[in-house]
Amino acid sequence: MDMTGAQWHKSTRSGTNGGSCVEVADNLPSVVLVRDTKDRDGGTLQFNPTVWQAFVDFAKRH
């Protein structure tokens, strides 16, 4: 997957103490990318934007 142009960000609720965080790139047209901040080269998960939004909505409710 070509990740050129991916703009990565992590939650504003994430601590800055080097804890376990993920970064998300949701600016690409057909995919949302997720990776571990501690191992950025270790692999990237890919989600359909609709599925990702359903996950985010679920997480906000629980």
PDB file of N, CA and C in Angstrom:
ATOM      1  N   MET A   1       0.846  -1.186   0.000  1.00  0.00           N
ATOM      2  CA  MET A   1       0.000   0.000   0.000  1.00  0.00           C
ATOM      3  C   MET A   1       0.880   1.234   0.000  1.00  0.00           C
ATOM      4  N   ASP A   2       0.595   2.130  -0.877  1.00  0.00           N
ATOM      5  CA  ASP A   2       1.311   3.400  -0.935  1.00  0.00           C
ATOM      6  C   ASP A   2       0.733   4.341   0.116  1.00  0.00           C
ATOM      7  N   MET A   3       1.539   4.695   1.108  1.00  0.00           N
ATOM      8  CA  MET A   3       1.079   5.562   2.189  1.00  0.00           C
ATOM      9  C   MET A   3       1.546   7.005   2.001  1.00  0.00           C
ATOM     10  N   THR A   4       1.998   7.330   0.793  1.00  0.00           N
ATOM     11  CA  THR A   4       2.400   8.697   0.494  1.00  0.00           C
ATOM     12  C   THR A   4       1.219   9.629   0.724  1.00  0.00           C
ATOM     13  N   GLY A   5       1.449  10.666   1.455  1.00  0.00           N
ATOM     14  CA  GLY A   5       0.396  11.632   1.730  1.00  0.00           C
ATOM     15  C   GLY A   5      -0.376  11.358   3.006  1.00  0.00           C
ATOM     16  N   ALA A   6      -0.108  10.221   3.656  1.00  0.00           N
ATOM     17  CA  ALA A   6      -0.802   9.923   4.913  1.00  0.00           C
ATOM     18  C   ALA A   6      -0.388  10.940   5.971  1.00  0.00           C
ATOM     19  N   GLN A   7      -1.369  11.516   6.628  1.00  0.00           N
ATOM     20  CA  GLN A   7      -1.117  12.474   7.705  1.00  0.00           C
ATOM     21  C   GLN A   7      -1.492  11.788   9.013  1.00  0.00           C
ATOM     22  N   TRP A   8      -0.484  11.420   9.785  1.00  0.00           N
ATOM     23  CA  TRP A   8      -0.667  10.641  10.999  1.00  0.00           C
ATOM     24  C   TRP A   8      -0.960  11.544  12.186  1.00  0.00           C
ATOM     25  N   HIS A   9      -1.859  11.078  13.057  1.00  0.00           N
ATOM     26  CA  HIS A   9      -2.126  11.783  14.312  1.00  0.00           C
ATOM     27  C   HIS A   9      -2.537  10.761  15.374  1.00  0.00           C
ATOM     28  N   LYS A  10      -2.349  11.126  16.620  1.00  0.00           N
ATOM     29  CA  LYS A  10      -2.820  10.268  17.698  1.00  0.00           C
ATOM     30  C   LYS A  10      -3.841  11.032  18.522  1.00  0.00           C
ATOM     31  N   SER A  11      -4.586  10.308  19.288  1.00  0.00           N
ATOM     32  CA  SER A  11      -5.657  10.903  20.073  1.00  0.00           C
ATOM     33  C   SER A  11      -5.125  11.973  21.011  1.00  0.00           C
ATOM     34  N   THR A  12      -5.893  13.021  21.181  1.00  0.00           N
ATOM     35  CA  THR A  12      -5.527  14.048  22.157  1.00  0.00           C
ATOM     36  C   THR A  12      -5.632  13.502  23.576  1.00  0.00           C
ATOM     37  N   ARG A  13      -6.281  12.370  23.744  1.00  0.00           N
ATOM     38  CA  ARG A  13      -6.384  11.726  25.058  1.00  0.00           C
ATOM     39  C   ARG A  13      -5.177  10.847  25.365  1.00  0.00           C
ATOM     40  N   SER A  14      -4.312  10.652  24.400  1.00  0.00           N
ATOM     41  CA  SER A  14      -3.110   9.852  24.624  1.00  0.00           C
ATOM     42  C   SER A  14      -2.135  10.631  25.489  1.00  0.00           C
ATOM     43  N   GLY A  15      -1.501   9.935  26.393  1.00  0.00           N
ATOM     44  CA  GLY A  15      -0.484  10.575  27.218  1.00  0.00           C
ATOM     45  C   GLY A  15       0.766  10.861  26.422  1.00  0.00           C
ATOM     46  N   THR A  16       1.586  11.719  26.931  1.00  0.00           N
ATOM     47  CA  THR A  16       2.844  12.055  26.250  1.00  0.00           C
ATOM     48  C   THR A  16       4.026  11.374  26.921  1.00  0.00           C
ATOM     49  N   ASN A  17       3.764  10.390  27.766  1.00  0.00           N
ATOM     50  CA  ASN A  17       4.829   9.732  28.524  1.00  0.00           C
ATOM     51  C   ASN A  17       5.360   8.486  27.840  1.00  0.00           C
ATOM     52  N   GLY A  18       5.128   8.331  26.554  1.00  0.00           N
ATOM     53  CA  GLY A  18       5.643   7.166  25.840  1.00  0.00           C
ATOM     54  C   GLY A  18       4.806   5.927  26.048  1.00  0.00           C
ATOM     55  N   GLY A  19       3.564   6.091  26.430  1.00  0.00           N
ATOM     56  CA  GLY A  19       2.680   4.964  26.679  1.00  0.00           C
ATOM     57  C   GLY A  19       2.272   4.255  25.410  1.00  0.00           C
ATOM     58  N   SER A  20       1.367   3.329  25.566  1.00  0.00           N
ATOM     59  CA  SER A  20       0.861   2.551  24.432  1.00  0.00           C
ATOM     60  C   SER A  20      -0.160   3.375  23.663  1.00  0.00           C
ATOM     61  N   CYS A  21       0.218   3.817  22.490  1.00  0.00           N
ATOM     62  CA  CYS A  21      -0.659   4.652  21.676  1.00  0.00           C
ATOM     63  C   CYS A  21      -0.692   4.121  20.246  1.00  0.00           C
ATOM     64  N   VAL A  22      -1.724   4.501  19.541  1.00  0.00           N
ATOM     65  CA  VAL A  22      -1.789   4.234  18.110  1.00  0.00           C
ATOM     66  C   VAL A  22      -1.918   5.564  17.391  1.00  0.00           C
ATOM     67  N   GLU A  23      -1.490   5.550  16.152  1.00  0.00           N
ATOM     68  CA  GLU A  23      -1.642   6.713  15.281  1.00  0.00           C
ATOM     69  C   GLU A  23      -2.591   6.328  14.159  1.00  0.00           C
ATOM     70  N   VAL A  24      -3.354   7.289  13.703  1.00  0.00           N
ATOM     71  CA  VAL A  24      -4.331   7.064  12.645  1.00  0.00           C
ATOM     72  C   VAL A  24      -4.085   8.066  11.518  1.00  0.00           C
ATOM     73  N   ALA A  25      -4.179   7.576  10.309  1.00  0.00           N
ATOM     74  CA  ALA A  25      -4.169   8.446   9.126  1.00  0.00           C
ATOM     75  C   ALA A  25      -5.526   8.268   8.460  1.00  0.00           C
ATOM     76  N   ASP A  26      -6.373   9.284   8.570  1.00  0.00           N
ATOM     77  CA  ASP A  26      -7.725   9.173   8.012  1.00  0.00           C
ATOM     78  C   ASP A  26      -7.979  10.206   6.917  1.00  0.00           C
ATOM     79  N   ASN A  27      -6.911  10.690   6.321  1.00  0.00           N
ATOM     80  CA  ASN A  27      -7.049  11.695   5.266  1.00  0.00           C
ATOM     81  C   ASN A  27      -7.006  11.117   3.859  1.00  0.00           C
ATOM     82  N   LEU A  28      -6.780   9.826   3.723  1.00  0.00           N
ATOM     83  CA  LEU A  28      -6.719   9.214   2.395  1.00  0.00           C
ATOM     84  C   LEU A  28      -8.133   8.876   1.924  1.00  0.00           C
ATOM     85  N   PRO A  29      -8.388   8.869   0.622  1.00  0.00           N
ATOM     86  CA  PRO A  29      -9.760   8.770   0.129  1.00  0.00           C
ATOM     87  C   PRO A  29     -10.465   7.437   0.381  1.00  0.00           C
ATOM     88  N   SER A  30      -9.764   6.319   0.374  1.00  0.00           N
ATOM     89  CA  SER A  30     -10.476   5.041   0.423  1.00  0.00           C
ATOM     90  C   SER A  30     -10.007   4.109   1.529  1.00  0.00           C
ATOM     91  N   VAL A  31      -9.174   4.606   2.440  1.00  0.00           N
ATOM     92  CA  VAL A  31      -8.647   3.732   3.483  1.00  0.00           C
ATOM     93  C   VAL A  31      -8.284   4.561   4.709  1.00  0.00           C
ATOM     94  N   VAL A  32      -8.445   3.943   5.884  1.00  0.00           N
ATOM     95  CA  VAL A  32      -7.965   4.518   7.137  1.00  0.00           C
ATOM     96  C   VAL A  32      -6.837   3.616   7.610  1.00  0.00           C
ATOM     97  N   LEU A  33      -5.701   4.213   7.946  1.00  0.00           N
ATOM     98  CA  LEU A  33      -4.525   3.456   8.370  1.00  0.00           C
ATOM     99  C   LEU A  33      -4.312   3.627   9.866  1.00  0.00           C
ATOM    100  N   VAL A  34      -3.866   2.550  10.525  1.00  0.00           N
ATOM    101  CA  VAL A  34      -3.603   2.574  11.961  1.00  0.00           C
ATOM    102  C   VAL A  34      -2.264   1.882  12.201  1.00  0.00           C
ATOM    103  N   ARG A  35      -1.423   2.495  13.066  1.00  0.00           N
ATOM    104  CA  ARG A  35      -0.127   1.895  13.388  1.00  0.00           C
ATOM    105  C   ARG A  35       0.223   2.175  14.850  1.00  0.00           C
ATOM    106  N   ASP A  36       1.161   1.416  15.363  1.00  0.00           N
ATOM    107  CA  ASP A  36       1.651   1.534  16.739  1.00  0.00           C
ATOM    108  C   ASP A  36       2.706   2.632  16.793  1.00  0.00           C
ATOM    109  N   THR A  37       2.572   3.571  17.728  1.00  0.00           N
ATOM    110  CA  THR A  37       3.547   4.664  17.817  1.00  0.00           C
ATOM    111  C   THR A  37       4.925   4.178  18.235  1.00  0.00           C
ATOM    112  N   LYS A  38       4.990   3.055  18.940  1.00  0.00           N
ATOM    113  CA  LYS A  38       6.287   2.538  19.395  1.00  0.00           C
ATOM    114  C   LYS A  38       7.008   1.739  18.310  1.00  0.00           C
ATOM    115  N   ASP A  39       6.294   1.338  17.265  1.00  0.00           N
ATOM    116  CA  ASP A  39       6.878   0.520  16.206  1.00  0.00           C
ATOM    117  C   ASP A  39       6.271   0.932  14.868  1.00  0.00           C
ATOM    118  N   ARG A  40       6.556   2.127  14.455  1.00  0.00           N
ATOM    119  CA  ARG A  40       5.934   2.694  13.250  1.00  0.00           C
ATOM    120  C   ARG A  40       6.243   1.923  11.981  1.00  0.00           C
ATOM    121  N   ASP A  41       7.356   1.196  11.964  1.00  0.00           N
ATOM    122  CA  ASP A  41       7.702   0.400  10.788  1.00  0.00           C
ATOM    123  C   ASP A  41       7.263  -1.051  10.927  1.00  0.00           C
ATOM    124  N   GLY A  42       6.598  -1.392  12.018  1.00  0.00           N
ATOM    125  CA  GLY A  42       6.247  -2.771  12.308  1.00  0.00           C
ATOM    126  C   GLY A  42       5.028  -3.299  11.570  1.00  0.00           C
ATOM    127  N   GLY A  43       4.277  -2.446  10.955  1.00  0.00           N
ATOM    128  CA  GLY A  43       3.090  -2.885  10.229  1.00  0.00           C
ATOM    129  C   GLY A  43       1.981  -1.860  10.368  1.00  0.00           C
ATOM    130  N   THR A  44       1.074  -1.885   9.438  1.00  0.00           N
ATOM    131  CA  THR A  44      -0.021  -0.926   9.414  1.00  0.00           C
ATOM    132  C   THR A  44      -1.316  -1.671   9.127  1.00  0.00           C
ATOM    133  N   LEU A  45      -2.328  -1.406   9.944  1.00  0.00           N
ATOM    134  CA  LEU A  45      -3.648  -1.964   9.704  1.00  0.00           C
ATOM    135  C   LEU A  45      -4.404  -1.041   8.763  1.00  0.00           C
ATOM    136  N   GLN A  46      -5.242  -1.627   7.921  1.00  0.00           N
ATOM    137  CA  GLN A  46      -6.017  -0.860   6.953  1.00  0.00           C
ATOM    138  C   GLN A  46      -7.503  -1.145   7.168  1.00  0.00           C
ATOM    139  N   PHE A  47      -8.306  -0.098   7.182  1.00  0.00           N
ATOM    140  CA  PHE A  47      -9.743  -0.232   7.371  1.00  0.00           C
ATOM    141  C   PHE A  47     -10.504   0.548   6.311  1.00  0.00           C
ATOM    142  N   ASN A  48     -11.641   0.038   5.953  1.00  0.00           N
ATOM    143  CA  ASN A  48     -12.579   0.769   5.129  1.00  0.00           C
ATOM    144  C   ASN A  48     -13.062   1.952   5.967  1.00  0.00           C
ATOM    145  N   PRO A  49     -13.171   3.154   5.405  1.00  0.00           N
ATOM    146  CA  PRO A  49     -13.583   4.315   6.196  1.00  0.00           C
ATOM    147  C   PRO A  49     -14.924   4.147   6.904  1.00  0.00           C
ATOM    148  N   THR A  50     -15.877   3.463   6.289  1.00  0.00           N
ATOM    149  CA  THR A  50     -17.180   3.247   6.921  1.00  0.00           C
ATOM    150  C   THR A  50     -17.046   2.351   8.140  1.00  0.00           C
ATOM    151  N   VAL A  51     -16.255   1.303   8.024  1.00  0.00           N
ATOM    152  CA  VAL A  51     -16.029   0.388   9.147  1.00  0.00           C
ATOM    153  C   VAL A  51     -15.290   1.117  10.266  1.00  0.00           C
ATOM    154  N   TRP A  52     -14.302   1.921   9.916  1.00  0.00           N
ATOM    155  CA  TRP A  52     -13.564   2.682  10.934  1.00  0.00           C
ATOM    156  C   TRP A  52     -14.490   3.639  11.685  1.00  0.00           C
ATOM    157  N   GLN A  53     -15.356   4.329  10.960  1.00  0.00           N
ATOM    158  CA  GLN A  53     -16.274   5.259  11.613  1.00  0.00           C
ATOM    159  C   GLN A  53     -17.231   4.528  12.545  1.00  0.00           C
ATOM    160  N   ALA A  54     -17.676   3.349  12.147  1.00  0.00           N
ATOM    161  CA  ALA A  54     -18.545   2.545  13.025  1.00  0.00           C
ATOM    162  C   ALA A  54     -17.802   2.179  14.306  1.00  0.00           C
ATOM    163  N   PHE A  55     -16.527   1.820  14.197  1.00  0.00           N
ATOM    164  CA  PHE A  55     -15.715   1.506  15.373  1.00  0.00           C
ATOM    165  C   PHE A  55     -15.589   2.737  16.278  1.00  0.00           C
ATOM    166  N   VAL A  56     -15.272   3.881  15.701  1.00  0.00           N
ATOM    167  CA  VAL A  56     -15.112   5.107  16.490  1.00  0.00           C
ATOM    168  C   VAL A  56     -16.423   5.462  17.195  1.00  0.00           C
ATOM    169  N   ASP A  57     -17.525   5.366  16.488  1.00  0.00           N
ATOM    170  CA  ASP A  57     -18.829   5.656  17.092  1.00  0.00           C
ATOM    171  C   ASP A  57     -19.111   4.704  18.248  1.00  0.00           C
ATOM    172  N   PHE A  58     -18.822   3.421  18.079  1.00  0.00           N
ATOM    173  CA  PHE A  58     -19.014   2.438  19.133  1.00  0.00           C
ATOM    174  C   PHE A  58     -18.137   2.766  20.340  1.00  0.00           C
ATOM    175  N   ALA A  59     -16.884   3.085  20.092  1.00  0.00           N
ATOM    176  CA  ALA A  59     -15.947   3.403  21.189  1.00  0.00           C
ATOM    177  C   ALA A  59     -16.405   4.633  21.969  1.00  0.00           C
ATOM    178  N   LYS A  60     -16.946   5.602  21.293  1.00  0.00           N
ATOM    179  CA  LYS A  60     -17.429   6.817  21.971  1.00  0.00           C
ATOM    180  C   LYS A  60     -18.614   6.520  22.891  1.00  0.00           C
ATOM    181  N   ARG A  61     -19.414   5.543  22.509  1.00  0.00           N
ATOM    182  CA  ARG A  61     -20.592   5.201  23.316  1.00  0.00           C
ATOM    183  C   ARG A  61     -20.251   4.331  24.527  1.00  0.00           C
ATOM    184  N   HIS A  62     -19.079   3.704  24.530  1.00  0.00           N
ATOM    185  CA  HIS A  62     -18.751   2.752  25.611  1.00  0.00           C
ATOM    186  C   HIS A  62     -17.549   3.163  26.383  1.00  0.00           C
TER     187      HIS A  62
END
